[in-house]
């Protein structure tokens, strides 16, 4: 399970390395690093959810997929997984591009909490 650490820690380490280089490297090197190294982790919410749920001893994605909120998002043919559906719902809510029935918003959380309590 040691290889399932989030990539965010690598980004933090790289940031610290770049900060420490700033006093030792010349200006051209620092400008190159700042220009071409990503400031954000190279992953998506889908990947993080898959990694997180994959590390659990039980599969909670089936229970989450059965919720009306996720089923509604998965009715779009381009949405293929429950993690992808959760990402789309989250993005719609965060950017205010779409609303959802308030009663359905807590159901995936409740189902995942119920599953995790049984572990």
PDB file of N, CA and C in Angstrom:
ATOM      1  N   UNK A   1       0.810  -1.197   0.000  1.00  0.00           N
ATOM      2  CA  UNK A   1       0.000   0.000   0.000  1.00  0.00           C
ATOM      3  C   UNK A   1       0.857   1.267   0.000  1.00  0.00           C
ATOM      4  N   UNK A   2       2.154   1.147   0.212  1.00  0.00           N
ATOM      5  CA  UNK A   2       3.018   2.323   0.305  1.00  0.00           C
ATOM      6  C   UNK A   2       3.074   3.105  -1.002  1.00  0.00           C
ATOM      7  N   UNK A   3       2.862   2.439  -2.134  1.00  0.00           N
ATOM      8  CA  UNK A   3       2.942   3.124  -3.422  1.00  0.00           C
ATOM      9  C   UNK A   3       1.650   3.849  -3.782  1.00  0.00           C
ATOM     10  N   UNK A   4       0.655   3.885  -2.902  1.00  0.00           N
ATOM     11  CA  UNK A   4      -0.606   4.556  -3.189  1.00  0.00           C
ATOM     12  C   UNK A   4      -0.674   5.949  -2.563  1.00  0.00           C
ATOM     13  N   UNK A   5       0.466   6.552  -2.245  1.00  0.00           N
ATOM     14  CA  UNK A   5       0.473   7.892  -1.674  1.00  0.00           C
ATOM     15  C   UNK A   5       0.029   8.893  -2.737  1.00  0.00           C
ATOM     16  N   UNK A   6      -0.679   9.936  -2.333  1.00  0.00           N
ATOM     17  CA  UNK A   6      -1.118  10.927  -3.318  1.00  0.00           C
ATOM     18  C   UNK A   6       0.065  11.654  -3.935  1.00  0.00           C
ATOM     19  N   UNK A   7      -0.101  12.059  -5.202  1.00  0.00           N
ATOM     20  CA  UNK A   7       0.967  12.746  -5.916  1.00  0.00           C
ATOM     21  C   UNK A   7       1.226  14.143  -5.371  1.00  0.00           C
ATOM     22  N   UNK A   8       0.297  14.653  -4.566  1.00  0.00           N
ATOM     23  CA  UNK A   8       0.448  15.987  -4.008  1.00  0.00           C
ATOM     24  C   UNK A   8       1.736  16.104  -3.209  1.00  0.00           C
ATOM     25  N   UNK A   9       2.129  15.044  -2.498  1.00  0.00           N
ATOM     26  CA  UNK A   9       3.347  15.106  -1.705  1.00  0.00           C
ATOM     27  C   UNK A   9       4.568  15.322  -2.599  1.00  0.00           C
ATOM     28  N   UNK A  10       4.564  14.762  -3.792  1.00  0.00           N
ATOM     29  CA  UNK A  10       5.653  14.978  -4.733  1.00  0.00           C
ATOM     30  C   UNK A  10       5.708  16.441  -5.159  1.00  0.00           C
ATOM     31  N   UNK A  11       4.545  17.044  -5.360  1.00  0.00           N
ATOM     32  CA  UNK A  11       4.490  18.450  -5.748  1.00  0.00           C
ATOM     33  C   UNK A  11       5.043  19.332  -4.634  1.00  0.00           C
ATOM     34  N   UNK A  12       4.696  19.007  -3.396  1.00  0.00           N
ATOM     35  CA  UNK A  12       5.204  19.781  -2.260  1.00  0.00           C
ATOM     36  C   UNK A  12       6.714  19.658  -2.176  1.00  0.00           C
ATOM     37  N   UNK A  13       7.218  18.448  -2.357  1.00  0.00           N
ATOM     38  CA  UNK A  13       8.670  18.227  -2.315  1.00  0.00           C
ATOM     39  C   UNK A  13       9.353  18.993  -3.444  1.00  0.00           C
ATOM     40  N   UNK A  14       8.799  18.934  -4.656  1.00  0.00           N
ATOM     41  CA  UNK A  14       9.391  19.674  -5.777  1.00  0.00           C
ATOM     42  C   UNK A  14       9.392  21.173  -5.513  1.00  0.00           C
ATOM     43  N   UNK A  15       8.318  21.667  -4.915  1.00  0.00           N
ATOM     44  CA  UNK A  15       8.252  23.089  -4.578  1.00  0.00           C
ATOM     45  C   UNK A  15       9.345  23.472  -3.599  1.00  0.00           C
ATOM     46  N   UNK A  16       9.581  22.634  -2.612  1.00  0.00           N
ATOM     47  CA  UNK A  16      10.629  22.897  -1.629  1.00  0.00           C
ATOM     48  C   UNK A  16      12.007  22.863  -2.276  1.00  0.00           C
ATOM     49  N   UNK A  17      12.209  21.925  -3.191  1.00  0.00           N
ATOM     50  CA  UNK A  17      13.500  21.830  -3.899  1.00  0.00           C
ATOM     51  C   UNK A  17      13.733  23.088  -4.733  1.00  0.00           C
ATOM     52  N   UNK A  18      12.708  23.525  -5.439  1.00  0.00           N
ATOM     53  CA  UNK A  18      12.842  24.732  -6.267  1.00  0.00           C
ATOM     54  C   UNK A  18      13.134  25.945  -5.396  1.00  0.00           C
ATOM     55  N   UNK A  19      12.437  26.048  -4.259  1.00  0.00           N
ATOM     56  CA  UNK A  19      12.689  27.170  -3.352  1.00  0.00           C
ATOM     57  C   UNK A  19      14.127  27.156  -2.847  1.00  0.00           C
ATOM     58  N   UNK A  20      14.658  25.971  -2.528  1.00  0.00           N
ATOM     59  CA  UNK A  20      16.032  25.899  -2.034  1.00  0.00           C
ATOM     60  C   UNK A  20      17.044  26.167  -3.145  1.00  0.00           C
ATOM     61  N   UNK A  21      16.667  25.866  -4.401  1.00  0.00           N
ATOM     62  CA  UNK A  21      17.560  26.140  -5.526  1.00  0.00           C
ATOM     63  C   UNK A  21      17.684  27.637  -5.816  1.00  0.00           C
ATOM     64  N   UNK A  22      16.676  28.393  -5.427  1.00  0.00           N
ATOM     65  CA  UNK A  22      16.645  29.809  -5.785  1.00  0.00           C
ATOM     66  C   UNK A  22      17.878  30.569  -5.312  1.00  0.00           C
ATOM     67  N   UNK A  23      18.478  30.127  -4.222  1.00  0.00           N
ATOM     68  CA  UNK A  23      19.676  30.818  -3.743  1.00  0.00           C
ATOM     69  C   UNK A  23      20.949  30.287  -4.408  1.00  0.00           C
ATOM     70  N   UNK A  24      20.901  29.066  -4.975  1.00  0.00           N
ATOM     71  CA  UNK A  24      22.105  28.466  -5.548  1.00  0.00           C
ATOM     72  C   UNK A  24      22.150  28.514  -7.077  1.00  0.00           C
ATOM     73  N   UNK A  25      21.001  28.470  -7.723  1.00  0.00           N
ATOM     74  CA  UNK A  25      20.965  28.414  -9.190  1.00  0.00           C
ATOM     75  C   UNK A  25      20.947  29.817  -9.784  1.00  0.00           C
ATOM     76  N   UNK A  26      21.428  29.916 -11.024  1.00  0.00           N
ATOM     77  CA  UNK A  26      21.396  31.243 -11.645  1.00  0.00           C
ATOM     78  C   UNK A  26      19.998  31.566 -12.139  1.00  0.00           C
ATOM     79  N   UNK A  27      19.773  32.794 -12.476  1.00  0.00           N
ATOM     80  CA  UNK A  27      18.458  33.310 -12.833  1.00  0.00           C
ATOM     81  C   UNK A  27      17.833  32.565 -14.008  1.00  0.00           C
ATOM     82  N   UNK A  28      18.628  32.207 -15.021  1.00  0.00           N
ATOM     83  CA  UNK A  28      18.093  31.490 -16.187  1.00  0.00           C
ATOM     84  C   UNK A  28      17.510  30.135 -15.801  1.00  0.00           C
ATOM     85  N   UNK A  29      18.195  29.422 -14.919  1.00  0.00           N
ATOM     86  CA  UNK A  29      17.719  28.114 -14.476  1.00  0.00           C
ATOM     87  C   UNK A  29      16.401  28.270 -13.718  1.00  0.00           C
ATOM     88  N   UNK A  30      16.342  29.240 -12.833  1.00  0.00           N
ATOM     89  CA  UNK A  30      15.124  29.454 -12.051  1.00  0.00           C
ATOM     90  C   UNK A  30      13.956  29.863 -12.938  1.00  0.00           C
ATOM     91  N   UNK A  31      14.196  30.707 -13.914  1.00  0.00           N
ATOM     92  CA  UNK A  31      13.129  31.110 -14.825  1.00  0.00           C
ATOM     93  C   UNK A  31      12.629  29.916 -15.634  1.00  0.00           C
ATOM     94  N   UNK A  32      13.542  29.058 -16.072  1.00  0.00           N
ATOM     95  CA  UNK A  32      13.158  27.853 -16.808  1.00  0.00           C
ATOM     96  C   UNK A  32      12.297  26.946 -15.936  1.00  0.00           C
ATOM     97  N   UNK A  33      12.733  26.683 -14.702  1.00  0.00           N
ATOM     98  CA  UNK A  33      11.978  25.805 -13.811  1.00  0.00           C
ATOM     99  C   UNK A  33      10.590  26.362 -13.517  1.00  0.00           C
ATOM    100  N   UNK A  34      10.518  27.645 -13.229  1.00  0.00           N
ATOM    101  CA  UNK A  34       9.221  28.247 -12.916  1.00  0.00           C
ATOM    102  C   UNK A  34       8.288  28.246 -14.122  1.00  0.00           C
ATOM    103  N   UNK A  35       8.852  28.348 -15.310  1.00  0.00           N
ATOM    104  CA  UNK A  35       8.042  28.389 -16.519  1.00  0.00           C
ATOM    105  C   UNK A  35       7.517  26.999 -16.899  1.00  0.00           C
ATOM    106  N   UNK A  36       8.359  25.974 -16.760  1.00  0.00           N
ATOM    107  CA  UNK A  36       8.003  24.665 -17.305  1.00  0.00           C
ATOM    108  C   UNK A  36       7.580  23.600 -16.291  1.00  0.00           C
ATOM    109  N   UNK A  37       7.762  23.823 -15.015  1.00  0.00           N
ATOM    110  CA  UNK A  37       7.281  22.860 -14.033  1.00  0.00           C
ATOM    111  C   UNK A  37       5.867  23.241 -13.616  1.00  0.00           C
ATOM    112  N   UNK A  38       4.990  22.278 -13.614  1.00  0.00           N
ATOM    113  CA  UNK A  38       3.593  22.516 -13.262  1.00  0.00           C
ATOM    114  C   UNK A  38       3.454  22.892 -11.788  1.00  0.00           C
ATOM    115  N   UNK A  39       2.600  23.851 -11.532  1.00  0.00           N
ATOM    116  CA  UNK A  39       2.338  24.257 -10.159  1.00  0.00           C
ATOM    117  C   UNK A  39       1.209  23.430  -9.539  1.00  0.00           C
ATOM    118  N   UNK A  40       0.533  22.656 -10.348  1.00  0.00           N
ATOM    119  CA  UNK A  40      -0.574  21.827  -9.881  1.00  0.00           C
ATOM    120  C   UNK A  40      -0.238  20.356 -10.070  1.00  0.00           C
ATOM    121  N   UNK A  41      -0.738  19.506  -9.178  1.00  0.00           N
ATOM    122  CA  UNK A  41      -0.464  18.083  -9.348  1.00  0.00           C
ATOM    123  C   UNK A  41      -1.072  17.564 -10.646  1.00  0.00           C
ATOM    124  N   UNK A  42      -0.355  16.709 -11.353  1.00  0.00           N
ATOM    125  CA  UNK A  42      -0.844  16.193 -12.642  1.00  0.00           C
ATOM    126  C   UNK A  42      -1.861  15.070 -12.449  1.00  0.00           C
ATOM    127  N   UNK A  43      -2.987  15.396 -11.839  1.00  0.00           N
ATOM    128  CA  UNK A  43      -4.013  14.394 -11.594  1.00  0.00           C
ATOM    129  C   UNK A  43      -5.379  15.068 -11.597  1.00  0.00           C
ATOM    130  N   UNK A  44      -6.406  14.268 -11.584  1.00  0.00           N
ATOM    131  CA  UNK A  44      -7.766  14.792 -11.577  1.00  0.00           C
ATOM    132  C   UNK A  44      -8.499  14.253 -10.361  1.00  0.00           C
ATOM    133  N   UNK A  45      -9.673  14.800 -10.119  1.00  0.00           N
ATOM    134  CA  UNK A  45     -10.488  14.299  -9.024  1.00  0.00           C
ATOM    135  C   UNK A  45     -10.851  12.836  -9.261  1.00  0.00           C
ATOM    136  N   UNK A  46     -11.082  12.455 -10.507  1.00  0.00           N
ATOM    137  CA  UNK A  46     -11.368  11.053 -10.838  1.00  0.00           C
ATOM    138  C   UNK A  46     -10.245  10.142 -10.326  1.00  0.00           C
ATOM    139  N   UNK A  47      -9.011  10.525 -10.636  1.00  0.00           N
ATOM    140  CA  UNK A  47      -7.855   9.710 -10.246  1.00  0.00           C
ATOM    141  C   UNK A  47      -7.705   9.644  -8.730  1.00  0.00           C
ATOM    142  N   UNK A  48      -7.941  10.753  -8.058  1.00  0.00           N
ATOM    143  CA  UNK A  48      -7.824  10.777  -6.602  1.00  0.00           C
ATOM    144  C   UNK A  48      -8.904   9.900  -5.970  1.00  0.00           C
ATOM    145  N   UNK A  49     -10.142  10.007  -6.462  1.00  0.00           N
ATOM    146  CA  UNK A  49     -11.218   9.163  -5.936  1.00  0.00           C
ATOM    147  C   UNK A  49     -10.932   7.684  -6.171  1.00  0.00           C
ATOM    148  N   UNK A  50     -10.430   7.356  -7.354  1.00  0.00           N
ATOM    149  CA  UNK A  50     -10.112   5.957  -7.670  1.00  0.00           C
ATOM    150  C   UNK A  50      -9.010   5.444  -6.741  1.00  0.00           C
ATOM    151  N   UNK A  51      -8.001   6.272  -6.519  1.00  0.00           N
ATOM    152  CA  UNK A  51      -6.904   5.880  -5.641  1.00  0.00           C
ATOM    153  C   UNK A  51      -7.384   5.726  -4.197  1.00  0.00           C
ATOM    154  N   UNK A  52      -8.177   6.698  -3.746  1.00  0.00           N
ATOM    155  CA  UNK A  52      -8.688   6.655  -2.376  1.00  0.00           C
ATOM    156  C   UNK A  52      -9.571   5.445  -2.136  1.00  0.00           C
ATOM    157  N   UNK A  53     -10.528   5.237  -3.021  1.00  0.00           N
ATOM    158  CA  UNK A  53     -11.456   4.124  -2.816  1.00  0.00           C
ATOM    159  C   UNK A  53     -10.777   2.782  -3.085  1.00  0.00           C
ATOM    160  N   UNK A  54      -9.771   2.762  -3.939  1.00  0.00           N
ATOM    161  CA  UNK A  54      -9.036   1.530  -4.205  1.00  0.00           C
ATOM    162  C   UNK A  54      -8.220   1.066  -3.019  1.00  0.00           C
ATOM    163  N   UNK A  55      -7.886   1.988  -2.124  1.00  0.00           N
ATOM    164  CA  UNK A  55      -7.099   1.643  -0.944  1.00  0.00           C
ATOM    165  C   UNK A  55      -7.966   1.093   0.176  1.00  0.00           C
ATOM    166  N   UNK A  56      -9.282   1.196   0.043  1.00  0.00           N
ATOM    167  CA  UNK A  56     -10.193   0.704   1.083  1.00  0.00           C
ATOM    168  C   UNK A  56     -10.388  -0.803   0.965  1.00  0.00           C
ATOM    169  N   UNK A  57     -10.651  -1.460   2.073  1.00  0.00           N
ATOM    170  CA  UNK A  57     -10.867  -2.911   2.019  1.00  0.00           C
ATOM    171  C   UNK A  57     -12.219  -3.310   1.428  1.00  0.00           C
ATOM    172  N   UNK A  58     -13.147  -2.355   1.278  1.00  0.00           N
ATOM    173  CA  UNK A  58     -14.451  -2.622   0.658  1.00  0.00           C
ATOM    174  C   UNK A  58     -14.645  -1.662  -0.505  1.00  0.00           C
ATOM    175  N   UNK A  59     -15.457  -2.091  -1.471  1.00  0.00           N
ATOM    176  CA  UNK A  59     -15.738  -1.241  -2.623  1.00  0.00           C
ATOM    177  C   UNK A  59     -16.984  -0.416  -2.336  1.00  0.00           C
ATOM    178  N   UNK A  60     -16.819   0.895  -2.157  1.00  0.00           N
ATOM    179  CA  UNK A  60     -17.971   1.749  -1.865  1.00  0.00           C
ATOM    180  C   UNK A  60     -18.538   2.398  -3.128  1.00  0.00           C
ATOM    181  N   UNK A  61     -17.837   2.265  -4.240  1.00  0.00           N
ATOM    182  CA  UNK A  61     -18.296   2.931  -5.457  1.00  0.00           C
ATOM    183  C   UNK A  61     -19.607   2.337  -5.979  1.00  0.00           C
ATOM    184  N   UNK A  62     -19.869   1.065  -5.749  1.00  0.00           N
ATOM    185  CA  UNK A  62     -21.150   0.484  -6.167  1.00  0.00           C
ATOM    186  C   UNK A  62     -22.306   1.148  -5.433  1.00  0.00           C
ATOM    187  N   UNK A  63     -22.116   1.383  -4.140  1.00  0.00           N
ATOM    188  CA  UNK A  63     -23.161   2.048  -3.345  1.00  0.00           C
ATOM    189  C   UNK A  63     -23.340   3.500  -3.782  1.00  0.00           C
ATOM    190  N   UNK A  64     -22.254   4.151  -4.085  1.00  0.00           N
ATOM    191  CA  UNK A  64     -22.324   5.545  -4.544  1.00  0.00           C
ATOM    192  C   UNK A  64     -22.969   5.602  -5.931  1.00  0.00           C
ATOM    193  N   UNK A  65     -22.638   4.646  -6.786  1.00  0.00           N
ATOM    194  CA  UNK A  65     -23.213   4.604  -8.143  1.00  0.00           C
ATOM    195  C   UNK A  65     -24.721   4.406  -8.107  1.00  0.00           C
ATOM    196  N   UNK A  66     -25.227   3.790  -7.056  1.00  0.00           N
ATOM    197  CA  UNK A  66     -26.660   3.523  -6.951  1.00  0.00           C
ATOM    198  C   UNK A  66     -27.471   4.750  -6.512  1.00  0.00           C
ATOM    199  N   UNK A  67     -26.813   5.839  -6.148  1.00  0.00           N
ATOM    200  CA  UNK A  67     -27.548   7.035  -5.722  1.00  0.00           C
ATOM    201  C   UNK A  67     -28.153   7.732  -6.931  1.00  0.00           C
ATOM    202  N   UNK A  68     -29.260   8.417  -6.709  1.00  0.00           N
ATOM    203  CA  UNK A  68     -29.933   9.106  -7.815  1.00  0.00           C
ATOM    204  C   UNK A  68     -29.078  10.243  -8.368  1.00  0.00           C
ATOM    205  N   UNK A  69     -28.278  10.874  -7.513  1.00  0.00           N
ATOM    206  CA  UNK A  69     -27.411  11.964  -7.972  1.00  0.00           C
ATOM    207  C   UNK A  69     -26.389  11.463  -8.995  1.00  0.00           C
ATOM    208  N   UNK A  70     -25.719  10.374  -8.664  1.00  0.00           N
ATOM    209  CA  UNK A  70     -24.708   9.808  -9.556  1.00  0.00           C
ATOM    210  C   UNK A  70     -25.378   9.188 -10.786  1.00  0.00           C
ATOM    211  N   UNK A  71     -26.496   8.524 -10.587  1.00  0.00           N
ATOM    212  CA  UNK A  71     -27.216   7.938 -11.722  1.00  0.00           C
ATOM    213  C   UNK A  71     -27.642   9.020 -12.712  1.00  0.00           C
ATOM    214  N   UNK A  72     -28.086  10.160 -12.183  1.00  0.00           N
ATOM    215  CA  UNK A  72     -28.475  11.283 -13.053  1.00  0.00           C
ATOM    216  C   UNK A  72     -27.274  11.769 -13.865  1.00  0.00           C
ATOM    217  N   UNK A  73     -26.133  11.930 -13.216  1.00  0.00           N
ATOM    218  CA  UNK A  73     -24.929  12.381 -13.926  1.00  0.00           C
ATOM    219  C   UNK A  73     -24.471  11.338 -14.942  1.00  0.00           C
ATOM    220  N   UNK A  74     -24.633  10.057 -14.615  1.00  0.00           N
ATOM    221  CA  UNK A  74     -24.191   8.987 -15.514  1.00  0.00           C
ATOM    222  C   UNK A  74     -25.162   8.745 -16.665  1.00  0.00           C
ATOM    223  N   UNK A  75     -26.303   9.432 -16.659  1.00  0.00           N
ATOM    224  CA  UNK A  75     -27.227   9.307 -17.790  1.00  0.00           C
ATOM    225  C   UNK A  75     -26.645   9.962 -19.046  1.00  0.00           C
ATOM    226  N   UNK A  76     -25.646  10.798 -18.852  1.00  0.00           N
ATOM    227  CA  UNK A  76     -24.910  11.384 -19.975  1.00  0.00           C
ATOM    228  C   UNK A  76     -23.952  10.301 -20.493  1.00  0.00           C
ATOM    229  N   UNK A  77     -24.002   9.967 -21.789  1.00  0.00           N
ATOM    230  CA  UNK A  77     -23.159   8.875 -22.315  1.00  0.00           C
ATOM    231  C   UNK A  77     -21.650   9.111 -22.176  1.00  0.00           C
ATOM    232  N   UNK A  78     -21.238  10.347 -22.008  1.00  0.00           N
ATOM    233  CA  UNK A  78     -19.795  10.608 -21.876  1.00  0.00           C
ATOM    234  C   UNK A  78     -19.287  10.333 -20.462  1.00  0.00           C
ATOM    235  N   UNK A  79     -20.192  10.157 -19.512  1.00  0.00           N
ATOM    236  CA  UNK A  79     -19.814   9.873 -18.124  1.00  0.00           C
ATOM    237  C   UNK A  79     -19.823   8.362 -17.950  1.00  0.00           C
ATOM    238  N   UNK A  80     -18.642   7.792 -17.709  1.00  0.00           N
ATOM    239  CA  UNK A  80     -18.523   6.329 -17.717  1.00  0.00           C
ATOM    240  C   UNK A  80     -18.351   5.683 -16.344  1.00  0.00           C
ATOM    241  N   UNK A  81     -17.935   6.464 -15.350  1.00  0.00           N
ATOM    242  CA  UNK A  81     -17.688   5.879 -14.032  1.00  0.00           C
ATOM    243  C   UNK A  81     -18.337   6.734 -12.947  1.00  0.00           C
ATOM    244  N   UNK A  82     -18.615   6.138 -11.787  1.00  0.00           N
ATOM    245  CA  UNK A  82     -19.155   6.926 -10.681  1.00  0.00           C
ATOM    246  C   UNK A  82     -18.192   8.037 -10.244  1.00  0.00           C
ATOM    247  N   UNK A  83     -16.905   7.776 -10.275  1.00  0.00           N
ATOM    248  CA  UNK A  83     -15.930   8.814  -9.903  1.00  0.00           C
ATOM    249  C   UNK A  83     -16.014   9.993 -10.874  1.00  0.00           C
ATOM    250  N   UNK A  84     -16.168   9.690 -12.151  1.00  0.00           N
ATOM    251  CA  UNK A  84     -16.312  10.729 -13.165  1.00  0.00           C
ATOM    252  C   UNK A  84     -17.594  11.527 -12.920  1.00  0.00           C
ATOM    253  N   UNK A  85     -18.665  10.833 -12.551  1.00  0.00           N
ATOM    254  CA  UNK A  85     -19.938  11.503 -12.258  1.00  0.00           C
ATOM    255  C   UNK A  85     -19.795  12.434 -11.056  1.00  0.00           C
ATOM    256  N   UNK A  86     -19.112  11.973 -10.009  1.00  0.00           N
ATOM    257  CA  UNK A  86     -18.899  12.821  -8.833  1.00  0.00           C
ATOM    258  C   UNK A  86     -18.076  14.058  -9.188  1.00  0.00           C
ATOM    259  N   UNK A  87     -17.086  13.891 -10.054  1.00  0.00           N
ATOM    260  CA  UNK A  87     -16.268  15.030 -10.480  1.00  0.00           C
ATOM    261  C   UNK A  87     -17.134  16.056 -11.209  1.00  0.00           C
ATOM    262  N   UNK A  88     -17.986  15.571 -12.085  1.00  0.00           N
ATOM    263  CA  UNK A  88     -18.841  16.476 -12.862  1.00  0.00           C
ATOM    264  C   UNK A  88     -19.820  17.213 -11.947  1.00  0.00           C
ATOM    265  N   UNK A  89     -20.423  16.492 -11.013  1.00  0.00           N
ATOM    266  CA  UNK A  89     -21.346  17.127 -10.065  1.00  0.00           C
ATOM    267  C   UNK A  89     -20.603  18.168  -9.248  1.00  0.00           C
ATOM    268  N   UNK A  90     -19.444  17.813  -8.741  1.00  0.00           N
ATOM    269  CA  UNK A  90     -18.646  18.747  -7.944  1.00  0.00           C
ATOM    270  C   UNK A  90     -18.303  19.997  -8.750  1.00  0.00           C
ATOM    271  N   UNK A  91     -17.855  19.809  -9.988  1.00  0.00           N
ATOM    272  CA  UNK A  91     -17.488  20.955 -10.824  1.00  0.00           C
ATOM    273  C   UNK A  91     -18.703  21.824 -11.133  1.00  0.00           C
ATOM    274  N   UNK A  92     -19.840  21.206 -11.435  1.00  0.00           N
ATOM    275  CA  UNK A  92     -21.053  21.976 -11.699  1.00  0.00           C
ATOM    276  C   UNK A  92     -21.445  22.820 -10.493  1.00  0.00           C
ATOM    277  N   UNK A  93     -21.371  22.235  -9.312  1.00  0.00           N
ATOM    278  CA  UNK A  93     -21.716  22.974  -8.102  1.00  0.00           C
ATOM    279  C   UNK A  93     -20.692  24.069  -7.798  1.00  0.00           C
ATOM    280  N   UNK A  94     -19.416  23.744  -7.950  1.00  0.00           N
ATOM    281  CA  UNK A  94     -18.364  24.718  -7.635  1.00  0.00           C
ATOM    282  C   UNK A  94     -18.389  25.917  -8.567  1.00  0.00           C
ATOM    283  N   UNK A  95     -18.725  25.683  -9.821  1.00  0.00           N
ATOM    284  CA  UNK A  95     -18.714  26.773 -10.802  1.00  0.00           C
ATOM    285  C   UNK A  95     -20.095  27.382 -11.022  1.00  0.00           C
ATOM    286  N   UNK A  96     -21.106  26.834 -10.350  1.00  0.00           N
ATOM    287  CA  UNK A  96     -22.449  27.372 -10.462  1.00  0.00           C
ATOM    288  C   UNK A  96     -23.087  27.177 -11.817  1.00  0.00           C
ATOM    289  N   UNK A  97     -22.650  26.156 -12.557  1.00  0.00           N
ATOM    290  CA  UNK A  97     -23.191  25.932 -13.895  1.00  0.00           C
ATOM    291  C   UNK A  97     -24.452  25.073 -13.882  1.00  0.00           C
ATOM    292  N   UNK A  98     -24.685  24.396 -12.759  1.00  0.00           N
ATOM    293  CA  UNK A  98     -25.866  23.538 -12.676  1.00  0.00           C
ATOM    294  C   UNK A  98     -26.196  23.287 -11.219  1.00  0.00           C
ATOM    295  N   UNK A  99     -27.460  23.165 -10.928  1.00  0.00           N
ATOM    296  CA  UNK A  99     -27.898  22.843  -9.582  1.00  0.00           C
ATOM    297  C   UNK A  99     -28.439  21.429  -9.524  1.00  0.00           C
ATOM    298  N   UNK A 100     -28.540  20.897  -8.329  1.00  0.00           N
ATOM    299  CA  UNK A 100     -29.061  19.550  -8.116  1.00  0.00           C
ATOM    300  C   UNK A 100     -30.041  19.586  -6.956  1.00  0.00           C
ATOM    301  N   UNK A 101     -30.918  18.613  -6.907  1.00  0.00           N
ATOM    302  CA  UNK A 101     -31.878  18.506  -5.822  1.00  0.00           C
ATOM    303  C   UNK A 101     -31.123  18.392  -4.498  1.00  0.00           C
ATOM    304  N   UNK A 102     -31.445  19.273  -3.573  1.00  0.00           N
ATOM    305  CA  UNK A 102     -30.723  19.327  -2.296  1.00  0.00           C
ATOM    306  C   UNK A 102     -30.822  18.016  -1.524  1.00  0.00           C
ATOM    307  N   UNK A 103     -31.941  17.316  -1.637  1.00  0.00           N
ATOM    308  CA  UNK A 103     -32.092  16.040  -0.923  1.00  0.00           C
ATOM    309  C   UNK A 103     -31.115  14.986  -1.422  1.00  0.00           C
ATOM    310  N   UNK A 104     -30.708  15.072  -2.685  1.00  0.00           N
ATOM    311  CA  UNK A 104     -29.824  14.063  -3.266  1.00  0.00           C
ATOM    312  C   UNK A 104     -28.344  14.341  -3.013  1.00  0.00           C
ATOM    313  N   UNK A 105     -28.003  15.556  -2.623  1.00  0.00           N
ATOM    314  CA  UNK A 105     -26.589  15.906  -2.497  1.00  0.00           C
ATOM    315  C   UNK A 105     -25.873  15.170  -1.370  1.00  0.00           C
ATOM    316  N   UNK A 106     -26.537  14.909  -0.281  1.00  0.00           N
ATOM    317  CA  UNK A 106     -25.884  14.233   0.840  1.00  0.00           C
ATOM    318  C   UNK A 106     -25.882  12.727   0.763  1.00  0.00           C
ATOM    319  N   UNK A 107     -26.641  12.153  -0.155  1.00  0.00           N
ATOM    320  CA  UNK A 107     -26.786  10.692  -0.210  1.00  0.00           C
ATOM    321  C   UNK A 107     -25.460   9.977  -0.502  1.00  0.00           C
ATOM    322  N   UNK A 108     -24.649  10.395  -1.494  1.00  0.00           N
ATOM    323  CA  UNK A 108     -23.371   9.690  -1.699  1.00  0.00           C
ATOM    324  C   UNK A 108     -22.474   9.724  -0.458  1.00  0.00           C
ATOM    325  N   UNK A 109     -22.455  10.861   0.237  1.00  0.00           N
ATOM    326  CA  UNK A 109     -21.652  10.971   1.455  1.00  0.00           C
ATOM    327  C   UNK A 109     -22.179  10.019   2.519  1.00  0.00           C
ATOM    328  N   UNK A 110     -23.500   9.993   2.709  1.00  0.00           N
ATOM    329  CA  UNK A 110     -24.091   9.112   3.714  1.00  0.00           C
ATOM    330  C   UNK A 110     -23.813   7.648   3.400  1.00  0.00           C
ATOM    331  N   UNK A 111     -23.930   7.281   2.148  1.00  0.00           N
ATOM    332  CA  UNK A 111     -23.687   5.873   1.770  1.00  0.00           C
ATOM    333  C   UNK A 111     -22.230   5.491   1.990  1.00  0.00           C
ATOM    334  N   UNK A 112     -21.304   6.394   1.648  1.00  0.00           N
ATOM    335  CA  UNK A 112     -19.891   6.065   1.842  1.00  0.00           C
ATOM    336  C   UNK A 112     -19.560   6.002   3.326  1.00  0.00           C
ATOM    337  N   UNK A 113     -20.135   6.895   4.150  1.00  0.00           N
ATOM    338  CA  UNK A 113     -19.894   6.846   5.592  1.00  0.00           C
ATOM    339  C   UNK A 113     -20.430   5.552   6.200  1.00  0.00           C
ATOM    340  N   UNK A 114     -21.622   5.150   5.775  1.00  0.00           N
ATOM    341  CA  UNK A 114     -22.221   3.916   6.275  1.00  0.00           C
ATOM    342  C   UNK A 114     -21.354   2.725   5.921  1.00  0.00           C
ATOM    343  N   UNK A 115     -20.842   2.680   4.700  1.00  0.00           N
ATOM    344  CA  UNK A 115     -19.970   1.576   4.277  1.00  0.00           C
ATOM    345  C   UNK A 115     -18.660   1.574   5.062  1.00  0.00           C
ATOM    346  N   UNK A 116     -18.104   2.749   5.289  1.00  0.00           N
ATOM    347  CA  UNK A 116     -16.829   2.827   5.985  1.00  0.00           C
ATOM    348  C   UNK A 116     -16.963   2.470   7.472  1.00  0.00           C
ATOM    349  N   UNK A 117     -18.101   2.744   8.063  1.00  0.00           N
ATOM    350  CA  UNK A 117     -18.302   2.382   9.484  1.00  0.00           C
ATOM    351  C   UNK A 117     -18.322   0.870   9.671  1.00  0.00           C
ATOM    352  N   UNK A 118     -18.663   0.146   8.620  1.00  0.00           N
ATOM    353  CA  UNK A 118     -18.740  -1.325   8.722  1.00  0.00           C
ATOM    354  C   UNK A 118     -17.366  -1.984   8.639  1.00  0.00           C
ATOM    355  N   UNK A 119     -16.363  -1.219   8.311  1.00  0.00           N
ATOM    356  CA  UNK A 119     -15.017  -1.802   8.156  1.00  0.00           C
ATOM    357  C   UNK A 119     -14.419  -2.146   9.508  1.00  0.00           C
TER     358      UNK A 119
END
